[in-house]
């Protein structure tokens, strides 16, 4: 048998694309298909609206618009099709770079291509819908609660009105959705940080004559994606994590249409980046305590944005004492003894949360409770309907309630499912108090709770998937450092 060394040509021929390239391709293919279906179903006039738009209608040569015609493959409109073509070109070049580029250039080129794919598949399609909305009206080309209603709450805030007292029957919300199910016209179920943080951007937008709430979401997401590589190690894991956070098909669709899960996701990611920087310094001779304070503050802002962030609190609390000696033992006694330290380190989060919520609770506690909690539990004349993809469909299908607006004791199924799972996950995390476990536990716990609840909306799945992705790619990065 020959013992001659393999030539450089043979080595290049034997190289295979990395798994991060496969992950990017799978995400993009699914995202483009789902986005195309969504636009076809929800935006029937998009082709004509693009053609007559003063900006979008002039991006391509006139002959190009004429050649593409009024009907085409999904998404149908010429601008969307060109963006899809550019996105797939970026994926193709990503594979070629992974196969051919010299090692010293490969990672930089792949980052550039990933940024390009994010632009053409996520940021620019969102910009397209923003422009179409400006032309077609505030109730078009967007989502009701994440954009239309949130913009209305900003207007109420600036007018000195309580968004939790006012109804939305005289806002563009009244033009959106199905009459029977528009109970949100009488409730604002989100928390104040969303409109408080957005208000300065709204004022800036008013000054220049242009505003869409999605601009705030895109800004926060861009910052979170830029910092997300710090949450894992190894270039492939970092690339894959950013791709999953930006392009998982459900979350990407939510960003484009303007649902607000990305708002709370971004604040939690920023909190975890700060926590990670603190954790790296915690065992050194110069721990940077200010990073821990910043992390807790940012998490408090997430909790003041949407209640989905609250479910991370038990696991994030344990992360706050993940430094040396933070948990004296791994048993329940050690956890109880660590509670005072957890509460002390979580104080910035509790202060931020309290300062943001307390004025509205004191202003009208009944209205605040009614909008944030009572509505979502289905109580009252305008409570939220039984909805989504979870266990609630068995309640409907088996005829246990007469209609979607009826009350059923979902609190019992939530308790039976969530409490044992929470105890088990806390027990597990005490024994391995890592961000990997915290992310796994949060994602699975959230899925279980909402599965057992009155509603499991499809956008929650994209949010959950983001934390499952964080867990797996954090673990991949850790495994790489051991090799």
Protein backbone atom coordinates (compact mmCIF):
# COMPACT_ATOMS: atom_id res chain seq x y z
CA UNK A 1 0.00 0.00 0.00
CA UNK A 2 1.30 3.44 -0.93
CA UNK A 3 2.44 5.66 1.90
CA UNK A 4 2.89 8.75 -0.20
CA UNK A 5 1.24 11.86 1.29
CA UNK A 6 -2.02 12.94 -0.32
CA UNK A 7 -1.56 15.86 -2.69
CA UNK A 8 -3.08 19.24 -2.02
CA UNK A 9 -5.37 18.66 -5.02
CA UNK A 10 -6.66 15.42 -3.49
CA UNK A 11 -7.21 17.16 -0.13
CA UNK A 12 -9.22 19.92 -1.78
CA UNK A 13 -11.27 17.35 -3.68
CA UNK A 14 -12.03 15.48 -0.46
CA UNK A 15 -13.28 18.56 1.37
CA UNK A 16 -17.00 18.59 2.14
CA UNK A 17 -19.25 21.54 2.99
CA UNK A 18 -19.74 22.04 6.71
CA UNK A 19 -22.95 21.28 8.56
CA UNK A 20 -23.50 25.02 8.98
CA UNK A 21 -23.95 25.27 5.19
CA UNK A 22 -26.58 22.54 5.31
CA UNK A 23 -28.34 24.31 8.20
CA UNK A 24 -28.40 27.60 6.27
CA UNK A 25 -29.79 25.92 3.15
CA UNK A 26 -32.53 24.11 5.13
CA UNK A 27 -33.56 27.31 6.90
CA UNK A 28 -33.61 29.42 3.74
CA UNK A 29 -35.49 26.88 1.63
CA UNK A 30 -38.18 26.49 4.31
CA UNK A 31 -38.36 30.23 4.97
CA UNK A 32 -38.82 31.20 1.32
CA UNK A 33 -41.51 28.57 0.86
CA UNK A 34 -43.45 29.58 3.97
CA UNK A 35 -43.10 33.30 3.25
CA UNK A 36 -44.32 32.78 -0.29
CA UNK A 37 -47.36 30.86 0.92
CA UNK A 38 -48.10 33.50 3.55
CA UNK A 39 -47.88 36.39 1.10
CA UNK A 40 -50.04 34.55 -1.43
CA UNK A 41 -52.72 33.84 1.17
CA UNK A 42 -52.72 37.11 3.10
CA UNK A 43 -51.68 39.73 0.52
CA UNK A 44 -53.79 39.24 -2.61
CA UNK A 45 -53.04 42.68 -4.11
CA UNK A 46 -49.29 42.74 -3.44
CA UNK A 47 -48.27 42.46 -7.13
CA UNK A 48 -50.38 45.43 -8.20
CA UNK A 49 -49.35 47.38 -5.10
CA UNK A 50 -45.67 46.82 -5.84
CA UNK A 51 -46.06 47.86 -9.46
CA UNK A 52 -47.76 51.15 -8.58
CA UNK A 53 -45.52 51.97 -5.60
CA UNK A 54 -43.37 55.10 -6.22
CA UNK A 55 -40.21 53.40 -4.90
CA UNK A 56 -40.74 49.65 -5.34
CA UNK A 57 -42.22 50.17 -8.80
CA UNK A 58 -39.00 51.80 -9.99
CA UNK A 59 -36.36 49.50 -8.52
CA UNK A 60 -36.21 47.44 -11.73
CA UNK A 61 -36.13 48.61 -15.35
CA UNK A 62 -39.56 49.10 -16.88
CA UNK A 63 -38.85 46.30 -19.34
CA UNK A 64 -38.16 43.97 -16.44
CA UNK A 65 -41.54 44.61 -14.86
CA UNK A 66 -43.20 44.11 -18.22
CA UNK A 67 -41.38 40.81 -18.82
CA UNK A 68 -42.26 39.44 -15.36
CA UNK A 69 -45.95 40.27 -15.83
CA UNK A 70 -48.76 40.30 -13.30
CA UNK A 71 -48.48 36.64 -12.29
CA UNK A 72 -45.39 34.71 -11.24
CA UNK A 73 -44.12 32.07 -8.83
CA UNK A 74 -44.63 32.81 -5.16
CA UNK A 75 -44.27 35.48 -3.84
CA UNK A 76 -45.36 36.75 -7.24
CA UNK A 77 -44.27 40.36 -7.18
CA UNK A 78 -41.08 41.20 -9.11
CA UNK A 79 -39.22 42.69 -6.13
CA UNK A 80 -39.93 39.65 -3.96
CA UNK A 81 -38.79 37.28 -6.69
CA UNK A 82 -35.52 39.16 -7.19
CA UNK A 83 -34.90 39.08 -3.43
CA UNK A 84 -35.53 35.33 -3.42
CA UNK A 85 -33.08 34.88 -6.29
CA UNK A 86 -30.44 36.92 -4.47
CA UNK A 87 -31.03 34.89 -1.29
CA UNK A 88 -30.53 31.57 -3.06
CA UNK A 89 -27.45 32.94 -4.81
CA UNK A 90 -26.06 33.76 -1.37
CA UNK A 91 -26.69 30.19 -0.20
CA UNK A 92 -25.03 28.77 -3.33
CA UNK A 93 -21.96 30.98 -2.85
CA UNK A 94 -21.83 29.93 0.82
CA UNK A 95 -21.40 26.31 -0.29
CA UNK A 96 -18.78 27.23 -2.89
CA UNK A 97 -16.81 29.32 -0.40
CA UNK A 98 -16.92 26.45 2.10
CA UNK A 99 -15.45 24.15 -0.57
CA UNK A 100 -12.95 26.40 -2.31
CA UNK A 101 -11.94 29.41 -0.24
CA UNK A 102 -8.56 29.35 1.54
CA UNK A 103 -8.86 28.80 5.27
CA UNK A 104 -7.68 32.32 6.10
CA UNK A 105 -10.55 33.85 4.08
CA UNK A 106 -13.27 31.22 4.46
CA UNK A 107 -14.87 32.37 7.70
CA UNK A 108 -14.88 36.05 6.78
CA UNK A 109 -16.49 35.34 3.43
CA UNK A 110 -19.11 33.11 5.03
CA UNK A 111 -20.01 35.84 7.50
CA UNK A 112 -20.38 38.32 4.65
CA UNK A 113 -22.60 35.90 2.75
CA UNK A 114 -24.72 35.17 5.83
CA UNK A 115 -25.22 38.90 6.37
CA UNK A 116 -26.25 39.19 2.73
CA UNK A 117 -28.74 36.34 3.09
CA UNK A 118 -30.20 37.94 6.21
CA UNK A 119 -30.61 41.19 4.30
CA UNK A 120 -32.30 39.68 1.24
CA UNK A 121 -34.40 37.08 3.09
CA UNK A 122 -35.40 39.02 6.21
CA UNK A 123 -34.57 42.70 6.45
CA UNK A 124 -35.37 43.80 2.89
CA UNK A 125 -38.64 41.79 2.66
CA UNK A 126 -39.69 43.49 5.89
CA UNK A 127 -38.79 46.84 4.35
CA UNK A 128 -40.89 45.94 1.31
CA UNK A 129 -43.98 45.37 3.45
CA UNK A 130 -43.28 48.57 5.40
CA UNK A 131 -43.25 50.55 2.17
CA UNK A 132 -46.40 48.85 0.89
CA UNK A 133 -48.14 49.62 4.16
CA UNK A 134 -47.26 53.30 3.88
CA UNK A 135 -48.95 53.32 0.50
CA UNK A 136 -51.96 51.10 1.24
CA UNK A 137 -52.92 52.20 4.77
CA UNK A 138 -52.01 51.47 8.41
CA UNK A 139 -54.18 48.34 8.66
CA UNK A 140 -52.46 46.64 5.70
CA UNK A 141 -49.31 44.57 5.25
CA UNK A 142 -48.72 44.00 8.95
CA UNK A 143 -49.85 42.27 12.14
CA UNK A 144 -52.52 43.66 14.42
CA UNK A 145 -51.06 43.55 17.94
CA UNK A 146 -47.34 43.81 17.25
CA UNK A 147 -47.57 46.84 14.99
CA UNK A 148 -51.03 48.40 14.59
CA UNK A 149 -52.06 48.24 18.23
CA UNK A 150 -48.61 49.06 19.60
CA UNK A 151 -48.45 52.20 17.47
CA UNK A 152 -51.87 53.15 18.87
CA UNK A 153 -50.61 52.67 22.44
CA UNK A 154 -47.71 55.04 21.68
CA UNK A 155 -50.20 57.63 20.49
CA UNK A 156 -52.26 57.17 23.67
CA UNK A 157 -49.09 57.50 25.76
CA UNK A 158 -48.10 60.75 24.06
CA UNK A 159 -51.64 62.06 24.50
CA UNK A 160 -51.54 61.32 28.24
CA UNK A 161 -54.07 58.46 27.99
CA UNK A 162 -53.79 55.06 29.64
CA UNK A 163 -53.43 52.36 26.95
CA UNK A 164 -54.92 49.80 29.34
CA UNK A 165 -58.10 51.87 29.81
CA UNK A 166 -58.68 52.96 26.23
CA UNK A 167 -60.28 50.74 23.60
CA UNK A 168 -59.01 50.47 20.05
CA UNK A 169 -62.28 50.69 18.15
CA UNK A 170 -61.34 54.09 16.71
CA UNK A 171 -57.85 53.02 15.59
CA UNK A 172 -56.71 51.11 12.48
CA UNK A 173 -57.08 47.94 14.60
CA UNK A 174 -60.80 48.09 13.83
CA UNK A 175 -60.03 47.36 10.17
CA UNK A 176 -57.98 44.22 10.82
CA UNK A 177 -59.10 40.62 11.32
CA UNK A 178 -62.44 38.82 11.65
CA UNK A 179 -65.27 40.62 13.40
CA UNK A 180 -66.17 37.79 15.79
CA UNK A 181 -62.60 37.34 17.02
CA UNK A 182 -61.47 40.95 17.38
CA UNK A 183 -61.67 40.99 21.18
CA UNK A 184 -58.25 42.66 21.34
CA UNK A 185 -60.02 45.86 20.27
CA UNK A 186 -60.89 46.27 23.95
CA UNK A 187 -57.60 45.14 25.51
CA UNK A 188 -53.86 45.71 25.24
CA UNK A 189 -52.35 42.42 26.49
CA UNK A 190 -48.67 43.41 26.32
CA UNK A 191 -46.57 45.17 28.93
CA UNK A 192 -45.48 48.82 28.94
CA UNK A 193 -41.81 48.54 27.95
CA UNK A 194 -42.79 47.85 24.34
CA UNK A 195 -44.45 51.23 23.82
CA UNK A 196 -42.26 53.13 26.29
CA UNK A 197 -39.07 52.10 24.50
CA UNK A 198 -40.62 52.72 21.08
CA UNK A 199 -42.04 56.17 21.83
CA UNK A 200 -38.80 58.13 21.12
CA UNK A 201 -38.44 56.34 17.77
CA UNK A 202 -42.06 57.15 17.00
CA UNK A 203 -41.41 60.85 17.68
CA UNK A 204 -38.35 60.72 15.44
CA UNK A 205 -40.44 59.04 12.76
CA UNK A 206 -43.11 61.70 13.05
CA UNK A 207 -40.44 64.35 12.57
CA UNK A 208 -39.35 62.79 9.29
CA UNK A 209 -42.89 61.80 8.27
CA UNK A 210 -42.38 58.03 8.34
CA UNK A 211 -42.77 55.37 11.07
CA UNK A 212 -43.45 51.68 11.32
CA UNK A 213 -43.08 49.70 14.54
CA UNK A 214 -41.13 47.03 12.69
CA UNK A 215 -38.24 49.47 12.36
CA UNK A 216 -37.73 49.20 16.13
CA UNK A 217 -37.94 45.42 15.97
CA UNK A 218 -35.39 45.28 13.13
CA UNK A 219 -33.00 47.56 15.01
CA UNK A 220 -33.09 45.42 18.15
CA UNK A 221 -32.80 42.21 16.16
CA UNK A 222 -29.78 43.52 14.25
CA UNK A 223 -28.02 44.35 17.53
CA UNK A 224 -28.92 40.97 19.03
CA UNK A 225 -27.70 39.07 15.96
CA UNK A 226 -24.45 41.04 15.92
CA UNK A 227 -23.75 40.04 19.54
CA UNK A 228 -25.17 36.49 19.41
CA UNK A 229 -21.87 34.86 18.30
CA UNK A 230 -20.55 35.62 21.79
CA UNK A 231 -23.00 33.04 23.14
CA UNK A 232 -21.08 30.10 21.68
CA UNK A 233 -17.62 29.09 20.43
CA UNK A 234 -16.36 27.91 17.06
CA UNK A 235 -17.07 29.61 13.77
CA UNK A 236 -19.52 27.01 12.47
CA UNK A 237 -21.57 27.05 15.67
CA UNK A 238 -21.58 30.85 15.67
CA UNK A 239 -22.69 31.02 12.04
CA UNK A 240 -25.40 28.43 12.60
CA UNK A 241 -26.68 30.15 15.73
CA UNK A 242 -27.05 33.50 13.96
CA UNK A 243 -28.73 31.77 11.01
CA UNK A 244 -31.23 30.01 13.29
CA UNK A 245 -31.99 33.15 15.28
CA UNK A 246 -32.57 35.22 12.15
CA UNK A 247 -33.96 32.72 9.67
CA UNK A 248 -35.93 30.07 11.50
CA UNK A 249 -39.00 30.14 9.25
CA UNK A 250 -41.60 30.93 11.90
CA UNK A 251 -39.70 33.68 13.66
CA UNK A 252 -38.55 35.22 10.36
CA UNK A 253 -42.15 35.35 9.14
CA UNK A 254 -43.17 36.99 12.42
CA UNK A 255 -40.50 39.66 11.99
CA UNK A 256 -41.56 40.42 8.42
CA UNK A 257 -45.23 40.79 9.33
CA UNK A 258 -44.51 42.53 12.63
CA UNK A 259 -45.33 40.23 15.54
CA UNK A 260 -43.54 41.30 18.69
CA UNK A 261 -41.86 38.10 19.91
CA UNK A 262 -38.59 39.36 18.46
CA UNK A 263 -38.78 42.33 20.83
CA UNK A 264 -38.66 40.23 23.99
CA UNK A 265 -36.25 37.74 22.38
CA UNK A 266 -33.76 40.51 21.65
CA UNK A 267 -33.76 41.79 25.22
CA UNK A 268 -33.19 38.29 26.60
CA UNK A 269 -30.36 37.65 24.14
CA UNK A 270 -28.71 40.93 25.12
CA UNK A 271 -29.10 39.95 28.77
CA UNK A 272 -27.45 36.58 28.14
CA UNK A 273 -24.56 38.14 26.24
CA UNK A 274 -23.90 40.35 29.26
CA UNK A 275 -24.26 37.36 31.57
CA UNK A 276 -21.78 35.39 29.45
CA UNK A 277 -19.19 38.16 29.62
CA UNK A 278 -19.66 38.34 33.41
CA UNK A 279 -19.42 34.57 33.73
CA UNK A 280 -16.09 34.53 31.89
CA UNK A 281 -14.71 37.04 34.36
CA UNK A 282 -16.36 35.59 37.47
CA UNK A 283 -13.62 33.12 38.32
CA UNK A 284 -10.79 35.53 37.58
CA UNK A 285 -9.10 37.92 39.96
CA UNK A 286 -11.02 40.80 38.39
CA UNK A 287 -14.72 39.86 38.12
CA UNK A 288 -16.74 42.47 36.26
CA UNK A 289 -19.78 42.75 38.47
CA UNK A 290 -21.24 45.57 36.40
CA UNK A 291 -21.88 43.07 33.60
CA UNK A 292 -24.02 40.98 35.93
CA UNK A 293 -25.97 44.10 36.91
CA UNK A 294 -26.42 44.98 33.24
CA UNK A 295 -27.61 41.46 32.46
CA UNK A 296 -30.22 41.56 35.22
CA UNK A 297 -31.36 45.01 34.12
CA UNK A 298 -31.81 43.85 30.52
CA UNK A 299 -33.70 40.77 31.67
CA UNK A 300 -35.98 43.01 33.72
CA UNK A 301 -36.74 44.97 30.55
CA UNK A 302 -37.61 41.71 28.78
CA UNK A 303 -40.01 40.85 31.61
CA UNK A 304 -41.57 44.30 31.28
CA UNK A 305 -42.18 43.61 27.58
CA UNK A 306 -44.17 40.38 27.46
CA UNK A 307 -45.13 37.69 30.00
CA UNK A 308 -43.38 34.96 27.99
CA UNK A 309 -40.12 36.27 29.49
CA UNK A 310 -41.37 35.49 33.00
CA UNK A 311 -41.08 31.74 32.41
CA UNK A 312 -37.31 32.11 32.06
CA UNK A 313 -37.03 33.55 35.58
CA UNK A 314 -36.37 30.27 37.50
CA UNK A 315 -33.61 29.22 35.11
CA UNK A 316 -32.13 32.69 34.75
CA UNK A 317 -32.14 33.01 38.55
CA UNK A 318 -29.93 29.92 38.81
CA UNK A 319 -27.61 31.32 36.15
CA UNK A 320 -27.09 34.36 38.39
CA UNK A 321 -25.37 32.09 40.92
CA UNK A 322 -23.46 29.94 38.43
CA UNK A 323 -20.10 31.32 39.54
CA UNK A 324 -17.81 29.51 41.95
CA UNK A 325 -19.57 28.94 45.24
CA UNK A 326 -22.84 30.33 43.94
CA UNK A 327 -24.72 27.14 44.82
CA UNK A 328 -23.21 25.63 47.95
CA UNK A 329 -24.60 22.17 47.10
CA UNK A 330 -26.65 20.71 44.31
CA UNK A 331 -29.49 19.65 46.59
CA UNK A 332 -32.69 21.46 47.47
CA UNK A 333 -31.12 22.72 50.67
CA UNK A 334 -28.37 24.38 48.67
CA UNK A 335 -30.97 25.98 46.43
CA UNK A 336 -32.88 27.39 49.39
CA UNK A 337 -29.68 28.80 50.87
CA UNK A 338 -28.90 30.42 47.51
CA UNK A 339 -32.26 32.23 47.30
CA UNK A 340 -31.06 35.39 49.11
CA UNK A 341 -28.07 35.66 46.77
CA UNK A 342 -30.30 35.07 43.74
CA UNK A 343 -32.70 37.79 44.86
CA UNK A 344 -29.85 40.21 45.54
CA UNK A 345 -28.34 39.66 42.11
CA UNK A 346 -31.76 39.83 40.47
CA UNK A 347 -32.50 43.16 42.17
CA UNK A 348 -31.78 45.27 39.04
CA UNK A 349 -34.28 43.16 37.11
CA UNK A 350 -36.93 43.55 39.79
CA UNK A 351 -36.33 47.31 40.07
CA UNK A 352 -36.56 47.81 36.29
CA UNK A 353 -39.67 45.64 36.11
CA UNK A 354 -41.32 47.46 39.00
CA UNK A 355 -40.50 50.98 37.81
CA UNK A 356 -42.01 50.25 34.40
CA UNK A 357 -45.15 48.42 35.51
CA UNK A 358 -45.98 50.14 38.79
CA UNK A 359 -47.23 53.47 37.34
CA UNK A 360 -49.79 51.64 35.19
CA UNK A 361 -50.80 49.34 38.02
CA UNK A 362 -51.38 52.34 40.29
CA UNK A 363 -53.05 54.36 37.52
CA UNK A 364 -55.83 51.79 37.09
CA UNK A 365 -55.14 48.37 38.62
CA UNK A 366 -58.43 46.91 37.38
CA UNK A 367 -57.83 47.89 33.78
CA UNK A 368 -54.24 46.64 33.87
CA UNK A 369 -55.28 43.28 35.31
CA UNK A 370 -58.15 42.99 32.86
CA UNK A 371 -55.98 43.59 29.80
CA UNK A 372 -52.85 41.64 30.73
CA UNK A 373 -54.30 38.63 32.54
CA UNK A 374 -58.11 38.43 32.56
CA UNK A 375 -58.44 38.78 28.78
CA UNK A 376 -55.87 36.07 27.99
CA UNK A 377 -57.57 33.65 30.37
CA UNK A 378 -60.84 34.04 28.47
CA UNK A 379 -62.78 35.82 31.18
CA UNK A 380 -65.29 38.58 30.67
CA UNK A 381 -67.49 39.44 27.72
CA UNK A 382 -64.52 40.08 25.45
CA UNK A 383 -62.05 37.43 26.64
CA UNK A 384 -59.62 35.75 24.27
CA UNK A 385 -60.92 32.69 22.46
CA UNK A 386 -59.64 29.11 22.72
CA UNK A 387 -57.10 29.06 19.93
CA UNK A 388 -53.88 27.64 18.52
CA UNK A 389 -52.32 24.22 18.04
CA UNK A 390 -52.22 22.73 21.55
CA UNK A 391 -54.29 20.59 23.91
CA UNK A 392 -57.14 23.11 23.66
CA UNK A 393 -58.13 21.52 20.35
CA UNK A 394 -59.08 18.33 22.18
CA UNK A 395 -61.33 20.40 24.43
CA UNK A 396 -63.05 21.78 21.34
CA UNK A 397 -63.08 18.57 19.30
CA UNK A 398 -64.56 16.48 22.11
CA UNK A 399 -67.31 19.03 22.70
CA UNK A 400 -66.31 19.84 26.27
CA UNK A 401 -67.26 23.48 25.62
CA UNK A 402 -70.05 24.91 23.41
CA UNK A 403 -67.78 27.36 21.55
CA UNK A 404 -64.32 28.96 21.47
CA UNK A 405 -65.28 31.75 23.87
CA UNK A 406 -66.36 29.44 26.69
CA UNK A 407 -64.45 29.04 29.93
CA UNK A 408 -62.68 25.77 30.70
CA UNK A 409 -60.27 25.10 33.61
CA UNK A 410 -57.04 25.28 31.64
CA UNK A 411 -55.33 26.42 34.84
CA UNK A 412 -55.62 22.80 35.98
CA UNK A 413 -53.88 21.32 32.92
CA UNK A 414 -51.25 24.05 33.10
CA UNK A 415 -50.57 23.19 36.74
CA UNK A 416 -50.51 19.43 36.18
CA UNK A 417 -48.07 19.75 33.29
CA UNK A 418 -45.92 22.73 34.26
CA UNK A 419 -45.32 22.21 37.98
CA UNK A 420 -43.70 18.73 37.81
CA UNK A 421 -41.69 19.83 34.78
CA UNK A 422 -40.47 22.95 36.60
CA UNK A 423 -39.39 20.93 39.65
CA UNK A 424 -37.56 18.42 37.47
CA UNK A 425 -35.82 21.12 35.43
CA UNK A 426 -34.70 22.99 38.54
CA UNK A 427 -33.31 19.73 39.92
CA UNK A 428 -31.44 19.15 36.64
CA UNK A 429 -30.04 22.66 36.43
CA UNK A 430 -28.74 22.56 39.98
CA UNK A 431 -26.51 19.68 38.90
CA UNK A 432 -25.35 21.37 35.70
CA UNK A 433 -25.97 25.09 36.06
CA UNK A 434 -25.18 26.10 32.50
CA UNK A 435 -26.68 28.29 29.80
CA UNK A 436 -27.21 25.14 27.75
CA UNK A 437 -29.49 23.67 30.39
CA UNK A 438 -31.22 26.98 31.09
CA UNK A 439 -32.05 27.41 27.40
CA UNK A 440 -33.26 23.83 26.97
CA UNK A 441 -35.35 24.06 30.11
CA UNK A 442 -36.91 27.37 29.15
CA UNK A 443 -37.81 26.28 25.64
CA UNK A 444 -39.33 22.95 26.64
CA UNK A 445 -41.06 24.41 29.71
CA UNK A 446 -42.64 27.16 27.62
CA UNK A 447 -43.80 24.64 25.02
CA UNK A 448 -45.34 22.42 27.68
CA UNK A 449 -47.10 25.28 29.46
CA UNK A 450 -48.63 26.76 26.34
CA UNK A 451 -49.53 23.32 25.00
CA UNK A 452 -51.62 22.81 28.14
CA UNK A 453 -53.09 26.32 28.09
CA UNK A 454 -56.03 28.04 26.42
CA UNK A 455 -53.93 28.94 23.38
CA UNK A 456 -50.71 27.88 21.70
CA UNK A 457 -50.30 30.34 18.86
CA UNK A 458 -47.99 29.36 16.04
CA UNK A 459 -45.70 32.36 16.55
CA UNK A 460 -44.75 30.97 19.98
CA UNK A 461 -43.07 28.04 18.23
CA UNK A 462 -40.61 30.31 16.45
CA UNK A 463 -39.74 31.98 19.75
CA UNK A 464 -39.29 28.60 21.45
CA UNK A 465 -37.14 27.33 18.60
CA UNK A 466 -34.76 30.27 19.09
CA UNK A 467 -33.91 29.04 22.62
CA UNK A 468 -33.62 25.42 21.56
CA UNK A 469 -31.17 26.59 18.89
CA UNK A 470 -29.22 28.57 21.48
CA UNK A 471 -28.97 25.45 23.63
CA UNK A 472 -27.76 23.14 20.90
CA UNK A 473 -25.24 25.51 19.35
CA UNK A 474 -23.92 26.57 22.74
CA UNK A 475 -23.36 22.86 23.43
CA UNK A 476 -21.72 22.35 20.03
CA UNK A 477 -19.35 25.21 20.81
CA UNK A 478 -18.49 23.73 24.21
CA UNK A 479 -17.87 20.28 22.73
CA UNK A 480 -15.56 21.84 20.15
CA UNK A 481 -13.40 23.42 22.87
CA UNK A 482 -12.88 19.99 24.45
CA UNK A 483 -11.59 18.39 21.25
